[in-house]
PDB file of N, CA and C in Angstrom:
ATOM      1  N   MET A   1      29.648 -65.763 -20.873  1.00  0.00           N
ATOM      2  CA  MET A   1      29.670 -67.483 -21.384  1.00  0.00           C
ATOM      3  C   MET A   1      29.767 -68.003 -20.552  1.00  0.00           C
ATOM      4  N   VAL A   2      29.237 -69.268 -20.026  1.00  0.00           N
ATOM      5  CA  VAL A   2      29.526 -70.090 -19.360  1.00  0.00           C
ATOM      6  C   VAL A   2      30.415 -71.261 -20.002  1.00  0.00           C
ATOM      7  N   GLN A   3      31.858 -71.228 -19.075  1.00  0.00           N
ATOM      8  CA  GLN A   3      33.201 -72.043 -19.887  1.00  0.00           C
ATOM      9  C   GLN A   3      32.507 -73.602 -19.531  1.00  0.00           C
ATOM     10  N   ALA A   4      33.275 -74.427 -20.454  1.00  0.00           N
ATOM     11  CA  ALA A   4      33.307 -75.815 -20.503  1.00  0.00           C
ATOM     12  C   ALA A   4      33.449 -76.179 -18.935  1.00  0.00           C
ATOM     13  N   THR A   5      35.147 -75.461 -18.472  1.00  0.00           N
ATOM     14  CA  THR A   5      35.287 -75.683 -17.336  1.00  0.00           C
ATOM     15  C   THR A   5      34.886 -75.179 -15.828  1.00  0.00           C
ATOM     16  N   ASN A   6      33.658 -74.852 -16.406  1.00  0.00           N
ATOM     17  CA  ASN A   6      32.209 -74.279 -15.295  1.00  0.00           C
ATOM     18  C   ASN A   6      31.800 -75.341 -15.261  1.00  0.00           C
ATOM     19  N   VAL A   7      31.088 -76.214 -15.568  1.00  0.00           N
ATOM     20  CA  VAL A   7      30.362 -77.477 -15.599  1.00  0.00           C
ATOM     21  C   VAL A   7      30.991 -78.429 -14.836  1.00  0.00           C
ATOM     22  N   ILE A   8      30.334 -78.347 -13.569  1.00  0.00           N
ATOM     23  CA  ILE A   8      30.861 -79.499 -12.281  1.00  0.00           C
ATOM     24  C   ILE A   8      29.570 -80.181 -12.042  1.00  0.00           C
ATOM     25  N   PRO A   9      29.920 -81.591 -11.874  1.00  0.00           N
ATOM     26  CA  PRO A   9      28.497 -82.463 -10.922  1.00  0.00           C
ATOM     27  C   PRO A   9      27.758 -81.607  -9.463  1.00  0.00           C
ATOM     28  N   LEU A  10      26.947 -82.042  -9.214  1.00  0.00           N
ATOM     29  CA  LEU A  10      26.516 -81.158  -7.995  1.00  0.00           C
ATOM     30  C   LEU A  10      27.130 -81.767  -6.680  1.00  0.00           C
ATOM     31  N   THR A  11      27.287 -82.986  -6.907  1.00  0.00           N
ATOM     32  CA  THR A  11      28.298 -83.800  -5.647  1.00  0.00           C
ATOM     33  C   THR A  11      29.972 -83.087  -5.267  1.00  0.00           C
ATOM     34  N   GLU A  12      30.182 -82.959  -6.491  1.00  0.00           N
ATOM     35  CA  GLU A  12      31.796 -81.959  -6.391  1.00  0.00           C
ATOM     36  C   GLU A  12      31.218 -80.447  -5.782  1.00  0.00           C
ATOM     37  N   PHE A  13      30.347 -79.866  -6.368  1.00  0.00           N
ATOM     38  CA  PHE A  13      30.024 -78.559  -5.626  1.00  0.00           C
ATOM     39  C   PHE A  13      29.744 -78.673  -4.090  1.00  0.00           C
ATOM     40  N   LYS A  14      28.753 -79.937  -3.443  1.00  0.00           N
ATOM     41  CA  LYS A  14      29.017 -79.906  -2.261  1.00  0.00           C
ATOM     42  C   LYS A  14      30.356 -80.037  -1.381  1.00  0.00           C
ATOM     43  N   ARG A  15      30.613 -81.034  -2.193  1.00  0.00           N
ATOM     44  CA  ARG A  15      32.181 -81.312  -1.331  1.00  0.00           C
ATOM     45  C   ARG A  15      33.273 -79.959  -1.616  1.00  0.00           C
ATOM     46  N   ASN A  16      32.897 -79.525  -2.744  1.00  0.00           N
ATOM     47  CA  ASN A  16      34.194 -77.919  -2.604  1.00  0.00           C
ATOM     48  C   ASN A  16      33.769 -76.920  -2.786  1.00  0.00           C
ATOM     49  N   THR A  17      32.833 -76.272  -2.150  1.00  0.00           N
ATOM     50  CA  THR A  17      32.113 -75.213  -2.117  1.00  0.00           C
ATOM     51  C   THR A  17      32.395 -73.759  -2.008  1.00  0.00           C
ATOM     52  N   ALA A  18      33.710 -74.106  -0.977  1.00  0.00           N
ATOM     53  CA  ALA A  18      34.396 -72.809  -0.553  1.00  0.00           C
ATOM     54  C   ALA A  18      34.944 -72.668  -1.599  1.00  0.00           C
ATOM     55  N   GLN A  19      35.541 -73.909  -2.431  1.00  0.00           N
ATOM     56  CA  GLN A  19      36.654 -73.585  -3.371  1.00  0.00           C
ATOM     57  C   GLN A  19      35.968 -73.067  -4.572  1.00  0.00           C
ATOM     58  N   VAL A  20      34.824 -73.512  -5.258  1.00  0.00           N
ATOM     59  CA  VAL A  20      34.128 -73.150  -6.270  1.00  0.00           C
ATOM     60  C   VAL A  20      33.622 -71.850  -5.949  1.00  0.00           C
ATOM     61  N   ARG A  21      33.263 -71.262  -4.652  1.00  0.00           N
ATOM     62  CA  ARG A  21      32.710 -70.014  -4.326  1.00  0.00           C
ATOM     63  C   ARG A  21      33.980 -69.014  -4.317  1.00  0.00           C
ATOM     64  N   GLU A  22      35.161 -69.036  -4.205  1.00  0.00           N
ATOM     65  CA  GLU A  22      36.076 -68.153  -4.347  1.00  0.00           C
ATOM     66  C   GLU A  22      36.491 -68.449  -5.962  1.00  0.00           C
ATOM     67  N   GLN A  23      36.415 -69.559  -6.857  1.00  0.00           N
ATOM     68  CA  GLN A  23      36.405 -69.261  -7.766  1.00  0.00           C
ATOM     69  C   GLN A  23      35.880 -68.799  -8.887  1.00  0.00           C
ATOM     70  N   MET A  24      34.483 -68.170  -8.506  1.00  0.00           N
ATOM     71  CA  MET A  24      32.968 -67.576  -8.639  1.00  0.00           C
ATOM     72  C   MET A  24      33.473 -66.386  -8.458  1.00  0.00           C
ATOM     73  N   GLU A  25      34.297 -65.617  -7.116  1.00  0.00           N
ATOM     74  CA  GLU A  25      34.170 -64.368  -6.651  1.00  0.00           C
ATOM     75  C   GLU A  25      35.147 -63.683  -7.918  1.00  0.00           C
ATOM     76  N   ALA A  26      36.407 -64.903  -8.318  1.00  0.00           N
ATOM     77  CA  ALA A  26      38.014 -64.143  -8.823  1.00  0.00           C
ATOM     78  C   ALA A  26      37.260 -64.353  -9.904  1.00  0.00           C
ATOM     79  N   SER A  27      36.763 -64.749 -10.850  1.00  0.00           N
ATOM     80  CA  SER A  27      36.033 -65.105 -12.204  1.00  0.00           C
ATOM     81  C   SER A  27      35.202 -64.666 -12.785  1.00  0.00           C
ATOM     82  N   HIS A  28      33.869 -64.281 -11.697  1.00  0.00           N
ATOM     83  CA  HIS A  28      32.901 -63.936 -12.108  1.00  0.00           C
ATOM     84  C   HIS A  28      31.904 -64.522 -12.838  1.00  0.00           C
ATOM     85  N   GLN A  29      32.266 -66.064 -13.341  1.00  0.00           N
ATOM     86  CA  GLN A  29      31.604 -66.785 -13.777  1.00  0.00           C
ATOM     87  C   GLN A  29      30.695 -67.623 -12.876  1.00  0.00           C
ATOM     88  N   PRO A  30      29.555 -67.685 -13.608  1.00  0.00           N
ATOM     89  CA  PRO A  30      28.866 -69.004 -13.234  1.00  0.00           C
ATOM     90  C   PRO A  30      29.102 -70.212 -13.458  1.00  0.00           C
ATOM     91  N   PHE A  31      28.605 -71.266 -12.555  1.00  0.00           N
ATOM     92  CA  PHE A  31      28.844 -72.712 -12.741  1.00  0.00           C
ATOM     93  C   PHE A  31      27.647 -73.146 -13.192  1.00  0.00           C
ATOM     94  N   VAL A  32      27.898 -74.353 -14.129  1.00  0.00           N
ATOM     95  CA  VAL A  32      26.600 -74.846 -14.263  1.00  0.00           C
ATOM     96  C   VAL A  32      26.670 -76.084 -13.317  1.00  0.00           C
ATOM     97  N   LEU A  33      25.763 -76.984 -12.389  1.00  0.00           N
ATOM     98  CA  LEU A  33      25.829 -77.941 -11.843  1.00  0.00           C
ATOM     99  C   LEU A  33      24.845 -79.065 -12.333  1.00  0.00           C
ATOM    100  N   THR A  34      25.494 -80.255 -12.641  1.00  0.00           N
ATOM    101  CA  THR A  34      24.821 -81.089 -13.223  1.00  0.00           C
ATOM    102  C   THR A  34      24.909 -82.757 -12.058  1.00  0.00           C
ATOM    103  N   VAL A  35      23.612 -82.776 -12.659  1.00  0.00           N
ATOM    104  CA  VAL A  35      22.814 -84.349 -11.795  1.00  0.00           C
ATOM    105  C   VAL A  35      22.594 -85.159 -12.973  1.00  0.00           C
ATOM    106  N   ASP A  36      23.383 -86.419 -12.812  1.00  0.00           N
ATOM    107  CA  ASP A  36      23.633 -87.416 -13.684  1.00  0.00           C
ATOM    108  C   ASP A  36      24.010 -86.993 -15.458  1.00  0.00           C
ATOM    109  N   GLY A  37      24.844 -85.977 -15.173  1.00  0.00           N
ATOM    110  CA  GLY A  37      25.533 -85.845 -16.379  1.00  0.00           C
ATOM    111  C   GLY A  37      24.537 -84.796 -17.397  1.00  0.00           C
ATOM    112  N   ARG A  38      23.627 -84.203 -16.728  1.00  0.00           N
ATOM    113  CA  ARG A  38      22.693 -82.982 -17.056  1.00  0.00           C
ATOM    114  C   ARG A  38      22.335 -81.446 -16.648  1.00  0.00           C
ATOM    115  N   ALA A  39      22.286 -81.056 -17.115  1.00  0.00           N
ATOM    116  CA  ALA A  39      22.304 -79.813 -16.393  1.00  0.00           C
ATOM    117  C   ALA A  39      21.230 -79.372 -15.502  1.00  0.00           C
ATOM    118  N   ALA A  40      21.336 -79.002 -13.951  1.00  0.00           N
ATOM    119  CA  ALA A  40      20.419 -79.132 -13.447  1.00  0.00           C
ATOM    120  C   ALA A  40      20.314 -77.826 -12.440  1.00  0.00           C
ATOM    121  N   MET A  41      21.136 -76.855 -12.418  1.00  0.00           N
ATOM    122  CA  MET A  41      21.259 -75.574 -11.897  1.00  0.00           C
ATOM    123  C   MET A  41      22.434 -74.608 -12.219  1.00  0.00           C
ATOM    124  N   VAL A  42      22.296 -73.301 -11.744  1.00  0.00           N
ATOM    125  CA  VAL A  42      23.213 -72.641 -12.864  1.00  0.00           C
ATOM    126  C   VAL A  42      23.616 -71.367 -11.048  1.00  0.00           C
ATOM    127  N   VAL A  43      24.584 -71.638 -10.960  1.00  0.00           N
ATOM    128  CA  VAL A  43      25.408 -70.779  -9.619  1.00  0.00           C
ATOM    129  C   VAL A  43      25.812 -70.018  -9.768  1.00  0.00           C
ATOM    130  N   MET A  44      26.024 -68.541  -9.279  1.00  0.00           N
ATOM    131  CA  MET A  44      26.854 -67.295  -9.663  1.00  0.00           C
ATOM    132  C   MET A  44      27.067 -66.813  -8.372  1.00  0.00           C
ATOM    133  N   ASP A  45      28.225 -65.721  -8.706  1.00  0.00           N
ATOM    134  CA  ASP A  45      28.153 -64.567  -7.477  1.00  0.00           C
ATOM    135  C   ASP A  45      27.163 -63.820  -7.568  1.00  0.00           C
ATOM    136  N   PRO A  46      26.702 -62.683  -6.361  1.00  0.00           N
ATOM    137  CA  PRO A  46      25.667 -61.665  -6.364  1.00  0.00           C
ATOM    138  C   PRO A  46      26.193 -60.472  -7.341  1.00  0.00           C
ATOM    139  N   HIS A  47      27.787 -60.508  -7.587  1.00  0.00           N
ATOM    140  CA  HIS A  47      28.017 -59.307  -8.806  1.00  0.00           C
ATOM    141  C   HIS A  47      27.444 -59.597 -10.116  1.00  0.00           C
ATOM    142  N   THR A  48      27.578 -61.256 -10.481  1.00  0.00           N
ATOM    143  CA  THR A  48      27.093 -61.613 -11.461  1.00  0.00           C
ATOM    144  C   THR A  48      25.859 -61.629 -11.873  1.00  0.00           C
ATOM    145  N   TYR A  49      25.042 -62.278 -11.164  1.00  0.00           N
ATOM    146  CA  TYR A  49      23.603 -61.909 -11.041  1.00  0.00           C
ATOM    147  C   TYR A  49      23.171 -60.616 -11.192  1.00  0.00           C
ATOM    148  N   GLN A  50      23.732 -59.842 -10.419  1.00  0.00           N
ATOM    149  CA  GLN A  50      23.127 -58.082 -11.001  1.00  0.00           C
ATOM    150  C   GLN A  50      23.341 -57.815 -12.165  1.00  0.00           C
ATOM    151  N   ARG A  51      24.731 -58.202 -12.575  1.00  0.00           N
ATOM    152  CA  ARG A  51      25.025 -57.602 -14.346  1.00  0.00           C
ATOM    153  C   ARG A  51      23.882 -57.966 -15.019  1.00  0.00           C
ATOM    154  N   MET A  52      23.623 -59.724 -14.633  1.00  0.00           N
ATOM    155  CA  MET A  52      23.207 -60.149 -15.863  1.00  0.00           C
ATOM    156  C   MET A  52      21.534 -59.680 -15.508  1.00  0.00           C
ATOM    157  N   ALA A  53      21.076 -59.521 -14.579  1.00  0.00           N
ATOM    158  CA  ALA A  53      19.925 -58.457 -14.469  1.00  0.00           C
ATOM    159  C   ALA A  53      19.365 -57.614 -14.708  1.00  0.00           C
ATOM    160  N   GLU A  54      20.574 -56.711 -14.914  1.00  0.00           N
ATOM    161  CA  GLU A  54      20.388 -55.628 -15.391  1.00  0.00           C
ATOM    162  C   GLU A  54      20.624 -55.814 -16.872  1.00  0.00           C
ATOM    163  N   LEU A  55      21.466 -56.236 -17.332  1.00  0.00           N
ATOM    164  CA  LEU A  55      21.323 -56.148 -18.797  1.00  0.00           C
ATOM    165  C   LEU A  55      19.838 -56.780 -19.595  1.00  0.00           C
ATOM    166  N   ALA A  56      19.562 -58.074 -18.646  1.00  0.00           N
ATOM    167  CA  ALA A  56      18.173 -58.565 -19.152  1.00  0.00           C
ATOM    168  C   ALA A  56      17.351 -57.352 -19.136  1.00  0.00           C
ATOM    169  N   GLU A  57      17.246 -56.530 -17.824  1.00  0.00           N
ATOM    170  CA  GLU A  57      16.420 -55.229 -18.161  1.00  0.00           C
ATOM    171  C   GLU A  57      16.269 -54.381 -19.369  1.00  0.00           C
ATOM    172  N   LYS A  58      17.546 -54.132 -19.251  1.00  0.00           N
ATOM    173  CA  LYS A  58      18.008 -53.092 -20.649  1.00  0.00           C
ATOM    174  C   LYS A  58      17.804 -53.662 -21.820  1.00  0.00           C
ATOM    175  N   ALA A  59      17.952 -55.173 -21.914  1.00  0.00           N
ATOM    176  CA  ALA A  59      17.284 -55.541 -23.284  1.00  0.00           C
ATOM    177  C   ALA A  59      15.584 -55.078 -23.597  1.00  0.00           C
ATOM    178  N   GLU A  60      14.831 -55.513 -22.363  1.00  0.00           N
ATOM    179  CA  GLU A  60      13.545 -55.575 -22.154  1.00  0.00           C
ATOM    180  C   GLU A  60      12.960 -54.123 -22.523  1.00  0.00           C
ATOM    181  N   VAL A  61      14.064 -53.319 -22.159  1.00  0.00           N
ATOM    182  CA  VAL A  61      13.348 -52.093 -22.499  1.00  0.00           C
ATOM    183  C   VAL A  61      13.869 -51.291 -24.117  1.00  0.00           C
ATOM    184  N   GLN A  62      15.056 -52.031 -24.208  1.00  0.00           N
ATOM    185  CA  GLN A  62      15.231 -52.110 -25.965  1.00  0.00           C
ATOM    186  C   GLN A  62      14.166 -52.603 -26.727  1.00  0.00           C
ATOM    187  N   GLN A  63      13.899 -53.504 -26.254  1.00  0.00           N
ATOM    188  CA  GLN A  63      12.743 -54.462 -27.250  1.00  0.00           C
ATOM    189  C   GLN A  63      11.622 -53.600 -27.076  1.00  0.00           C
ATOM    190  N   ALA A  64      11.065 -53.269 -26.257  1.00  0.00           N
ATOM    191  CA  ALA A  64       9.910 -52.093 -26.243  1.00  0.00           C
ATOM    192  C   ALA A  64      10.005 -51.355 -27.114  1.00  0.00           C
ATOM    193  N   ILE A  65      11.027 -50.320 -26.886  1.00  0.00           N
ATOM    194  CA  ILE A  65      10.937 -49.337 -27.871  1.00  0.00           C
ATOM    195  C   ILE A  65      10.790 -49.832 -29.190  1.00  0.00           C
ATOM    196  N   ARG A  66      11.925 -50.343 -29.517  1.00  0.00           N
ATOM    197  CA  ARG A  66      11.494 -51.324 -30.954  1.00  0.00           C
ATOM    198  C   ARG A  66      10.310 -51.306 -30.995  1.00  0.00           C
ATOM    199  N   ASP A  67       9.143 -52.333 -30.454  1.00  0.00           N
ATOM    200  CA  ASP A  67       8.041 -52.707 -30.680  1.00  0.00           C
ATOM    201  C   ASP A  67       7.183 -51.530 -30.705  1.00  0.00           C
ATOM    202  N   GLY A  68       7.515 -50.184 -30.054  1.00  0.00           N
ATOM    203  CA  GLY A  68       6.398 -49.216 -29.933  1.00  0.00           C
ATOM    204  C   GLY A  68       6.579 -48.300 -31.740  1.00  0.00           C
ATOM    205  N   LEU A  69       8.168 -48.136 -31.777  1.00  0.00           N
ATOM    206  CA  LEU A  69       8.855 -47.688 -32.827  1.00  0.00           C
ATOM    207  C   LEU A  69       8.043 -48.466 -34.044  1.00  0.00           C
ATOM    208  N   ALA A  70       7.993 -49.827 -34.034  1.00  0.00           N
ATOM    209  CA  ALA A  70       7.495 -50.323 -35.056  1.00  0.00           C
ATOM    210  C   ALA A  70       5.635 -50.204 -35.481  1.00  0.00           C
ATOM    211  N   ASP A  71       5.326 -49.915 -34.410  1.00  0.00           N
ATOM    212  CA  ASP A  71       3.602 -49.773 -34.166  1.00  0.00           C
ATOM    213  C   ASP A  71       3.418 -48.472 -35.026  1.00  0.00           C
ATOM    214  N   VAL A  72       4.433 -47.562 -34.440  1.00  0.00           N
ATOM    215  CA  VAL A  72       4.060 -46.073 -35.062  1.00  0.00           C
ATOM    216  C   VAL A  72       4.302 -46.330 -36.701  1.00  0.00           C
ATOM    217  N   ASP A  73       5.286 -46.808 -37.050  1.00  0.00           N
ATOM    218  CA  ASP A  73       5.092 -46.968 -38.734  1.00  0.00           C
ATOM    219  C   ASP A  73       4.557 -48.050 -39.357  1.00  0.00           C
ATOM    220  N   ALA A  74       3.965 -48.704 -38.671  1.00  0.00           N
ATOM    221  CA  ALA A  74       2.671 -49.894 -38.832  1.00  0.00           C
ATOM    222  C   ALA A  74       1.892 -48.918 -39.058  1.00  0.00           C
ATOM    223  N   GLY A  75       1.276 -47.391 -38.193  1.00  0.00           N
ATOM    224  CA  GLY A  75       0.251 -47.035 -38.291  1.00  0.00           C
ATOM    225  C   GLY A  75      -0.738 -47.353 -36.979  1.00  0.00           C
ATOM    226  N   ARG A  76      -0.311 -48.575 -36.493  1.00  0.00           N
ATOM    227  CA  ARG A  76      -1.218 -48.760 -34.724  1.00  0.00           C
ATOM    228  C   ARG A  76      -0.917 -48.076 -33.580  1.00  0.00           C
ATOM    229  N   THR A  77      -1.288 -46.780 -33.536  1.00  0.00           N
ATOM    230  CA  THR A  77      -0.753 -45.731 -33.139  1.00  0.00           C
ATOM    231  C   THR A  77      -2.854 -44.969 -32.655  1.00  0.00           C
ATOM    232  N   ARG A  78      -2.890 -44.262 -31.913  1.00  0.00           N
ATOM    233  CA  ARG A  78      -4.189 -43.709 -32.003  1.00  0.00           C
ATOM    234  C   ARG A  78      -4.160 -42.325 -30.997  1.00  0.00           C
ATOM    235  N   SER A  79      -4.831 -41.555 -31.282  1.00  0.00           N
ATOM    236  CA  SER A  79      -4.234 -40.488 -30.292  1.00  0.00           C
ATOM    237  C   SER A  79      -4.271 -40.227 -29.097  1.00  0.00           C
ATOM    238  N   TRP A  80      -4.403 -39.488 -28.100  1.00  0.00           N
ATOM    239  CA  TRP A  80      -4.452 -39.593 -26.883  1.00  0.00           C
ATOM    240  C   TRP A  80      -5.701 -38.693 -26.771  1.00  0.00           C
ATOM    241  N   GLU A  81      -6.697 -38.222 -27.292  1.00  0.00           N
ATOM    242  CA  GLU A  81      -8.027 -38.198 -27.075  1.00  0.00           C
ATOM    243  C   GLU A  81      -8.873 -39.184 -27.219  1.00  0.00           C
ATOM    244  N   GLU A  82      -8.401 -40.200 -28.211  1.00  0.00           N
ATOM    245  CA  GLU A  82      -9.277 -41.292 -28.148  1.00  0.00           C
ATOM    246  C   GLU A  82      -9.232 -42.497 -27.180  1.00  0.00           C
ATOM    247  N   PHE A  83      -7.215 -42.596 -26.930  1.00  0.00           N
ATOM    248  CA  PHE A  83      -7.356 -43.296 -25.969  1.00  0.00           C
ATOM    249  C   PHE A  83      -8.108 -43.205 -24.476  1.00  0.00           C
ATOM    250  N   GLU A  84      -8.069 -41.678 -24.094  1.00  0.00           N
ATOM    251  CA  GLU A  84      -8.979 -41.223 -23.234  1.00  0.00           C
ATOM    252  C   GLU A  84     -10.483 -41.464 -23.097  1.00  0.00           C
ATOM    253  N   ARG A  85     -10.730 -41.192 -24.153  1.00  0.00           N
ATOM    254  CA  ARG A  85     -12.406 -41.723 -24.019  1.00  0.00           C
ATOM    255  C   ARG A  85     -12.406 -43.074 -23.978  1.00  0.00           C
ATOM    256  N   GLU A  86     -12.025 -43.592 -24.785  1.00  0.00           N
ATOM    257  CA  GLU A  86     -11.858 -45.343 -24.275  1.00  0.00           C
ATOM    258  C   GLU A  86     -11.665 -45.417 -22.641  1.00  0.00           C
ATOM    259  N   MET A  87     -10.462 -45.341 -22.063  1.00  0.00           N
ATOM    260  CA  MET A  87     -10.612 -45.402 -20.877  1.00  0.00           C
ATOM    261  C   MET A  87     -11.662 -45.192 -20.311  1.00  0.00           C
ATOM    262  N   ARG A  88     -12.119 -43.881 -20.062  1.00  0.00           N
ATOM    263  CA  ARG A  88     -13.077 -43.224 -19.903  1.00  0.00           C
ATOM    264  C   ARG A  88     -14.283 -44.083 -19.579  1.00  0.00           C
ATOM    265  N   SER A  89     -14.389 -44.491 -21.092  1.00  0.00           N
ATOM    266  CA  SER A  89     -15.963 -45.389 -20.934  1.00  0.00           C
ATOM    267  C   SER A  89     -15.863 -46.746 -20.211  1.00  0.00           C
ATOM    268  N   ARG A  90     -14.463 -47.079 -20.427  1.00  0.00           N
ATOM    269  CA  ARG A  90     -14.287 -48.513 -19.543  1.00  0.00           C
ATOM    270  C   ARG A  90     -14.364 -48.625 -18.243  1.00  0.00           C
ATOM    271  N   TYR A  91     -13.676 -47.494 -17.615  1.00  0.00           N
ATOM    272  CA  TYR A  91     -13.826 -47.280 -16.300  1.00  0.00           C
ATOM    273  C   TYR A  91     -14.864 -46.643 -15.373  1.00  0.00           C
ATOM    274  N   LYS A  92     -15.770 -46.387 -16.664  1.00  0.00           N
ATOM    275  CA  LYS A  92     -17.160 -45.218 -16.245  1.00  0.00           C
ATOM    276  C   LYS A  92     -16.523 -44.239 -15.601  1.00  0.00           C
ATOM    277  N   LEU A  93     -15.578 -43.423 -16.006  1.00  0.00           N
ATOM    278  CA  LEU A  93     -15.135 -42.220 -15.323  1.00  0.00           C
ATOM    279  C   LEU A  93     -16.056 -40.956 -16.245  1.00  0.00           C
ATOM    280  N   PRO A  94     -15.690 -39.902 -15.330  1.00  0.00           N
ATOM    281  CA  PRO A  94     -17.108 -38.473 -15.765  1.00  0.00           C
ATOM    282  C   PRO A  94     -15.763 -37.971 -16.940  1.00  0.00           C
ATOM    283  N   PRO A  95     -16.603 -37.567 -17.834  1.00  0.00           N
ATOM    284  CA  PRO A  95     -15.746 -36.910 -18.808  1.00  0.00           C
ATOM    285  C   PRO A  95     -14.958 -35.606 -18.058  1.00  0.00           C
ATOM    286  N   GLN A  96     -13.630 -35.258 -19.011  1.00  0.00           N
ATOM    287  CA  GLN A  96     -12.959 -34.040 -18.570  1.00  0.00           C
ATOM    288  C   GLN A  96     -13.753 -32.855 -18.919  1.00  0.00           C
ATOM    289  N   PRO A  97     -13.885 -32.103 -17.591  1.00  0.00           N
ATOM    290  CA  PRO A  97     -14.018 -30.500 -18.567  1.00  0.00           C
ATOM    291  C   PRO A  97     -13.323 -29.521 -19.035  1.00  0.00           C
TER     292      PRO A  97
END
C-alpha cells in the first residue's frame, strides 16, 4: 500500500532523487509523484516492481483457473475430439490417422 508520506511533488523528486531512491531501497515502498497536486506517476525500486509483477501474474493464473472451473461447472466444455475436429477444419489440416 502506498503510504501518504510517499506522495511527493515531481519537482521535489528531481531535487532529492538520491535521498528518495535511498528511502525506496530501504522501505521497498513506491513513491507517487504529483504534478499540480495530482498523481502523475509512480516510481519504485526493482525489487518492489518484480514482486508486484509476480503477484499480478499469480493473480491472473488464479483467475484463469477459477474461470475454467466455472466453465466446467456450467457445462461450457467440449471433448478433445470435438475441439480437434474444429481445429482441423478451421486450419484445413488432414484428419488424424
